[in-house]
N, C-alpha and C. Protein backbone atom coordinates (compact mmCIF):
# COMPACT_ATOMS: atom_id res chain seq x y z
N MET A 1 -53.06 -18.78 45.42
CA MET A 1 -53.72 -18.20 44.83
C MET A 1 -53.89 -19.25 43.07
N VAL A 2 -55.23 -19.59 43.18
CA VAL A 2 -55.27 -20.42 41.48
C VAL A 2 -56.87 -19.48 41.07
N LEU A 3 -56.33 -18.65 40.29
CA LEU A 3 -57.55 -18.29 39.13
C LEU A 3 -58.18 -19.21 38.57
N PRO A 4 -59.63 -18.90 38.42
CA PRO A 4 -60.39 -19.83 37.68
C PRO A 4 -60.55 -19.33 36.28
N VAL A 5 -60.46 -20.60 35.23
CA VAL A 5 -60.27 -20.38 34.10
C VAL A 5 -61.48 -20.85 33.07
N ALA A 6 -62.17 -19.51 32.61
CA ALA A 6 -63.17 -20.44 31.50
C ALA A 6 -62.83 -20.99 30.33
N VAL A 7 -62.80 -22.70 30.41
CA VAL A 7 -62.73 -22.95 28.97
C VAL A 7 -63.42 -23.15 28.04
N LEU A 8 -63.18 -22.77 26.91
CA LEU A 8 -64.31 -23.20 25.88
C LEU A 8 -64.67 -24.40 25.48
N ALA A 9 -66.01 -24.72 25.09
CA ALA A 9 -66.51 -26.12 24.92
C ALA A 9 -65.76 -26.61 24.06
N GLN A 10 -65.48 -27.95 23.76
CA GLN A 10 -64.62 -28.31 22.46
C GLN A 10 -65.77 -28.43 21.75
N ASP A 11 -65.92 -28.06 20.19
CA ASP A 11 -66.66 -27.99 19.45
C ASP A 11 -65.97 -28.16 18.01
N ALA A 12 -66.47 -29.25 17.00
CA ALA A 12 -65.93 -29.08 15.71
C ALA A 12 -66.47 -28.29 15.27
N GLY A 13 -66.92 -27.23 15.35
CA GLY A 13 -67.33 -25.97 14.54
C GLY A 13 -66.45 -24.80 15.33
N GLN A 14 -65.43 -25.17 16.02
CA GLN A 14 -64.49 -24.38 16.58
C GLN A 14 -63.49 -23.83 14.91
N THR A 15 -62.96 -22.77 15.03
CA THR A 15 -61.67 -22.20 14.31
C THR A 15 -60.47 -22.70 14.87
N TRP A 16 -59.55 -22.87 13.91
CA TRP A 16 -58.08 -23.30 14.69
C TRP A 16 -57.39 -22.26 15.33
N ALA A 17 -57.29 -20.93 15.68
CA ALA A 17 -57.44 -19.88 16.60
C ALA A 17 -58.22 -20.31 17.79
N GLU A 18 -59.54 -20.46 17.84
CA GLU A 18 -60.19 -20.69 19.02
C GLU A 18 -59.65 -22.29 19.45
N ARG A 19 -59.23 -23.20 18.97
CA ARG A 19 -58.69 -24.67 19.06
C ARG A 19 -57.74 -24.61 20.03
N LYS A 20 -56.76 -23.61 19.74
CA LYS A 20 -55.41 -23.07 19.43
C LYS A 20 -55.31 -22.77 21.43
N CYS A 21 -56.50 -21.55 21.55
CA CYS A 21 -56.55 -20.76 22.70
C CYS A 21 -57.34 -22.07 23.79
N VAL A 22 -58.01 -23.03 23.22
CA VAL A 22 -58.04 -23.91 24.42
C VAL A 22 -57.10 -24.86 24.69
N LEU A 23 -56.47 -25.21 23.90
CA LEU A 23 -55.41 -25.92 24.16
C LEU A 23 -54.64 -25.32 24.75
N TYR A 24 -54.13 -24.26 24.78
CA TYR A 24 -53.35 -23.38 25.49
C TYR A 24 -53.69 -22.95 27.01
N GLN A 25 -55.13 -22.87 27.06
CA GLN A 25 -55.72 -22.89 28.76
C GLN A 25 -55.70 -24.45 29.19
N ARG A 26 -55.45 -25.32 28.69
CA ARG A 26 -55.11 -26.33 29.29
C ARG A 26 -53.66 -26.82 29.61
N ALA A 27 -52.77 -26.42 28.67
CA ALA A 27 -51.55 -26.46 29.08
C ALA A 27 -50.95 -25.62 30.14
N VAL A 28 -51.46 -24.34 30.23
CA VAL A 28 -51.18 -23.51 31.43
C VAL A 28 -51.68 -24.06 32.61
N THR A 29 -52.74 -24.75 32.75
CA THR A 29 -53.42 -25.31 33.97
C THR A 29 -52.56 -26.55 34.05
N ASP A 30 -51.83 -27.64 33.18
CA ASP A 30 -50.90 -28.40 33.36
C ASP A 30 -49.24 -27.68 33.93
N ALA A 31 -49.03 -26.67 33.19
CA ALA A 31 -47.88 -26.15 33.37
C ALA A 31 -47.67 -25.63 34.96
N THR A 32 -48.68 -24.87 35.16
CA THR A 32 -49.12 -24.44 36.83
C THR A 32 -48.80 -25.46 37.74
N LYS A 33 -49.36 -26.94 37.61
CA LYS A 33 -49.07 -27.75 38.19
C LYS A 33 -47.96 -28.15 38.55
N MET A 34 -47.17 -28.07 37.37
CA MET A 34 -46.22 -28.94 37.49
C MET A 34 -44.56 -27.54 37.76
N ILE A 35 -44.99 -26.72 37.19
CA ILE A 35 -43.86 -25.81 37.63
C ILE A 35 -44.21 -25.47 39.34
N GLY A 36 -45.29 -25.09 39.61
CA GLY A 36 -45.70 -24.52 40.56
C GLY A 36 -46.29 -23.27 41.07
N ARG A 37 -47.17 -22.80 41.14
CA ARG A 37 -48.02 -21.18 41.32
C ARG A 37 -46.69 -20.63 42.41
N ASP A 38 -46.49 -21.11 43.12
CA ASP A 38 -45.33 -20.27 44.25
C ASP A 38 -44.35 -19.80 43.40
N ARG A 39 -43.99 -20.05 42.13
CA ARG A 39 -42.64 -19.68 41.38
C ARG A 39 -43.16 -18.42 40.18
N LEU A 40 -44.44 -18.86 40.50
CA LEU A 40 -44.67 -17.54 39.01
C LEU A 40 -44.96 -16.07 39.98
N ARG A 41 -44.56 -15.11 39.77
CA ARG A 41 -45.07 -13.87 40.20
C ARG A 41 -46.75 -13.44 39.64
N ASP A 42 -47.26 -12.80 40.62
CA ASP A 42 -48.87 -12.20 40.11
C ASP A 42 -48.78 -11.70 38.96
N GLU A 43 -47.89 -10.71 38.64
CA GLU A 43 -48.20 -9.85 37.15
C GLU A 43 -47.99 -10.70 36.09
N PHE A 44 -47.29 -11.46 36.16
CA PHE A 44 -46.69 -12.84 35.19
C PHE A 44 -48.35 -13.82 34.77
N ILE A 45 -48.57 -14.07 35.88
CA ILE A 45 -49.95 -14.83 35.62
C ILE A 45 -51.17 -13.93 35.28
N LYS A 46 -51.45 -12.51 36.06
CA LYS A 46 -52.31 -11.82 35.13
C LYS A 46 -52.08 -11.37 33.65
N LYS A 47 -51.04 -10.92 33.48
CA LYS A 47 -50.54 -10.97 31.97
C LYS A 47 -50.83 -12.60 31.09
N ASN A 48 -50.47 -13.21 31.33
CA ASN A 48 -51.09 -14.55 30.98
C ASN A 48 -53.03 -14.61 31.17
N GLN A 49 -53.28 -14.17 32.04
CA GLN A 49 -54.36 -14.68 32.04
C GLN A 49 -55.51 -13.57 30.78
N GLU A 50 -55.10 -12.37 30.59
CA GLU A 50 -55.06 -11.24 29.90
C GLU A 50 -55.30 -12.08 28.41
N PHE A 51 -53.97 -12.38 28.20
CA PHE A 51 -53.84 -13.31 26.89
C PHE A 51 -55.14 -14.13 26.31
N ILE A 52 -55.41 -14.96 27.49
CA ILE A 52 -56.29 -15.95 27.47
C ILE A 52 -57.54 -15.44 26.97
N THR A 53 -58.00 -14.43 28.04
CA THR A 53 -59.32 -13.93 28.05
C THR A 53 -59.42 -12.84 26.71
N GLY A 54 -58.16 -12.36 26.08
CA GLY A 54 -58.45 -11.72 24.66
C GLY A 54 -58.52 -12.95 23.71
N GLY A 55 -58.54 -14.03 23.88
CA GLY A 55 -58.95 -14.70 22.67
C GLY A 55 -57.48 -15.35 22.39
N CYS A 56 -56.52 -15.51 23.22
CA CYS A 56 -55.05 -15.35 22.57
C CYS A 56 -54.47 -15.06 21.33
N LEU A 57 -54.90 -13.72 21.32
CA LEU A 57 -54.35 -12.69 20.13
C LEU A 57 -53.05 -11.99 19.88
N THR A 58 -52.94 -11.48 21.31
CA THR A 58 -52.06 -10.43 21.59
C THR A 58 -50.34 -11.48 21.72
N GLN A 59 -49.56 -10.81 21.14
CA GLN A 59 -48.43 -11.45 21.22
C GLN A 59 -47.29 -10.45 22.25
N GLY A 60 -45.94 -11.23 22.52
CA GLY A 60 -45.21 -10.62 23.02
C GLY A 60 -45.42 -10.07 24.51
N ASN A 61 -46.37 -9.92 25.14
CA ASN A 61 -46.76 -9.17 26.62
C ASN A 61 -46.74 -9.96 27.68
N VAL A 62 -46.00 -10.59 27.73
CA VAL A 62 -45.84 -11.59 29.01
C VAL A 62 -44.32 -11.84 29.40
N CYS A 63 -44.00 -11.11 30.33
CA CYS A 63 -42.51 -10.93 30.33
C CYS A 63 -42.25 -12.07 31.55
N PRO A 64 -41.40 -12.96 31.29
CA PRO A 64 -40.72 -13.93 32.19
C PRO A 64 -39.50 -12.95 32.56
N MET A 65 -39.63 -13.35 34.35
CA MET A 65 -38.33 -12.39 34.87
C MET A 65 -37.77 -13.65 36.09
N THR A 66 -38.32 -14.63 36.49
CA THR A 66 -37.64 -15.35 37.19
C THR A 66 -37.28 -16.78 36.58
N ASP A 67 -36.43 -17.68 37.19
CA ASP A 67 -36.15 -18.82 36.99
C ASP A 67 -37.64 -19.88 36.60
N GLY A 68 -38.39 -19.59 37.64
CA GLY A 68 -39.60 -20.53 37.52
C GLY A 68 -40.26 -19.99 36.48
N GLU A 69 -40.73 -18.51 36.31
CA GLU A 69 -41.42 -18.25 35.01
C GLU A 69 -40.75 -18.29 33.40
N PHE A 70 -39.27 -18.58 33.42
CA PHE A 70 -38.42 -18.92 32.23
C PHE A 70 -38.85 -20.46 31.99
N GLU A 71 -38.84 -21.41 33.09
CA GLU A 71 -39.31 -22.99 33.11
C GLU A 71 -40.56 -22.95 32.30
N PHE A 72 -41.35 -22.24 33.10
CA PHE A 72 -42.58 -22.02 32.77
C PHE A 72 -43.23 -21.84 31.20
N ALA A 73 -42.41 -20.79 30.84
CA ALA A 73 -42.40 -20.33 29.46
C ALA A 73 -42.02 -21.28 28.82
N ASN A 74 -41.12 -21.62 28.42
CA ASN A 74 -40.12 -22.89 27.98
C ASN A 74 -41.43 -24.20 27.94
N LEU A 75 -41.78 -24.34 28.86
CA LEU A 75 -42.62 -25.82 28.93
C LEU A 75 -43.43 -25.43 28.22
N LEU A 76 -44.35 -24.34 28.34
CA LEU A 76 -45.68 -23.81 27.68
C LEU A 76 -45.06 -23.83 25.67
N THR A 77 -44.31 -23.17 25.62
CA THR A 77 -43.38 -23.35 24.23
C THR A 77 -43.80 -24.95 23.74
N VAL A 78 -42.99 -25.55 24.52
CA VAL A 78 -42.85 -27.09 24.04
C VAL A 78 -44.32 -27.73 23.77
N MET A 79 -45.21 -27.48 25.19
CA MET A 79 -46.51 -27.86 25.01
C MET A 79 -47.49 -27.95 23.91
N THR A 80 -47.17 -26.51 23.70
CA THR A 80 -47.95 -25.64 22.24
C THR A 80 -47.50 -26.54 20.91
N MET A 81 -46.52 -26.73 20.92
CA MET A 81 -45.81 -27.18 19.79
C MET A 81 -45.63 -28.34 19.22
N ASN A 82 -46.21 -29.19 20.72
CA ASN A 82 -46.45 -30.80 20.26
C ASN A 82 -48.02 -30.78 20.10
N GLU A 83 -48.68 -29.68 20.24
CA GLU A 83 -50.04 -29.88 19.62
C GLU A 83 -50.39 -29.52 18.25
N GLY A 84 -49.26 -28.55 17.82
CA GLY A 84 -49.10 -28.18 16.27
C GLY A 84 -49.07 -27.22 15.88
N MET A 85 -48.89 -25.92 16.86
CA MET A 85 -48.83 -24.95 17.60
C MET A 85 -47.46 -24.41 16.82
N ALA A 86 -47.24 -22.81 15.87
CA ALA A 86 -45.71 -22.68 16.19
C ALA A 86 -45.21 -21.90 17.87
N SER A 87 -44.11 -22.08 17.43
CA SER A 87 -43.60 -21.70 18.79
C SER A 87 -44.01 -20.11 18.85
N THR A 88 -43.94 -19.75 17.69
CA THR A 88 -44.27 -17.58 18.47
C THR A 88 -46.20 -17.84 18.43
N PHE A 89 -46.68 -18.76 19.12
CA PHE A 89 -48.09 -18.44 19.17
C PHE A 89 -47.81 -18.02 20.70
N VAL A 90 -47.39 -18.42 21.63
CA VAL A 90 -47.32 -18.27 23.22
C VAL A 90 -46.74 -16.66 23.06
N PRO A 91 -47.47 -15.96 23.98
CA PRO A 91 -47.60 -14.64 24.68
C PRO A 91 -45.76 -14.20 25.03
N PHE A 92 -45.12 -14.97 24.94
CA PHE A 92 -43.95 -14.77 26.07
C PHE A 92 -43.09 -13.32 25.25
N GLY A 93 -42.80 -12.72 25.98
CA GLY A 93 -41.87 -11.49 25.11
C GLY A 93 -41.52 -10.58 26.13
N CYS A 94 -40.67 -9.71 26.05
CA CYS A 94 -40.40 -8.29 27.07
C CYS A 94 -40.06 -7.32 25.88
N ARG A 95 -40.62 -6.24 26.32
CA ARG A 95 -40.62 -5.13 25.32
C ARG A 95 -39.96 -3.98 26.20
N ASP A 96 -39.07 -3.38 25.65
CA ASP A 96 -38.09 -2.16 26.38
C ASP A 96 -39.18 -0.84 26.30
N THR A 97 -39.91 -0.95 27.55
CA THR A 97 -40.60 0.44 27.58
C THR A 97 -39.74 1.81 27.79
N ALA A 98 -38.48 1.86 28.28
CA ALA A 98 -37.17 2.77 28.73
C ALA A 98 -37.71 4.62 27.73
N GLY A 99 -37.77 3.68 25.98
CA GLY A 99 -37.86 5.07 25.53
C GLY A 99 -39.15 5.16 24.94
N GLU A 100 -40.15 4.91 25.47
CA GLU A 100 -41.22 5.51 25.23
C GLU A 100 -41.61 6.28 26.29
């Protein structure tokens, strides 16, 4: 199942934060094709989509758990860095919720 992603129009008036989110959306589309949607869990895709829908502002709430997801996360980190973003831009991270 491929979820549609609304892509913001490329506009000279965009802030760098908005532009990064557009670039990230495109990178996600490309990385999904390269890695294969079947190698990514639904929850992983859902959390990543929530990051995009929220304007790419939250950090560390998309937790890769499978080999395919780690490959996807690593690929996206490199792709976004190639576009001039810091490696900390991507939303990948796993939180320990056992103590909460």
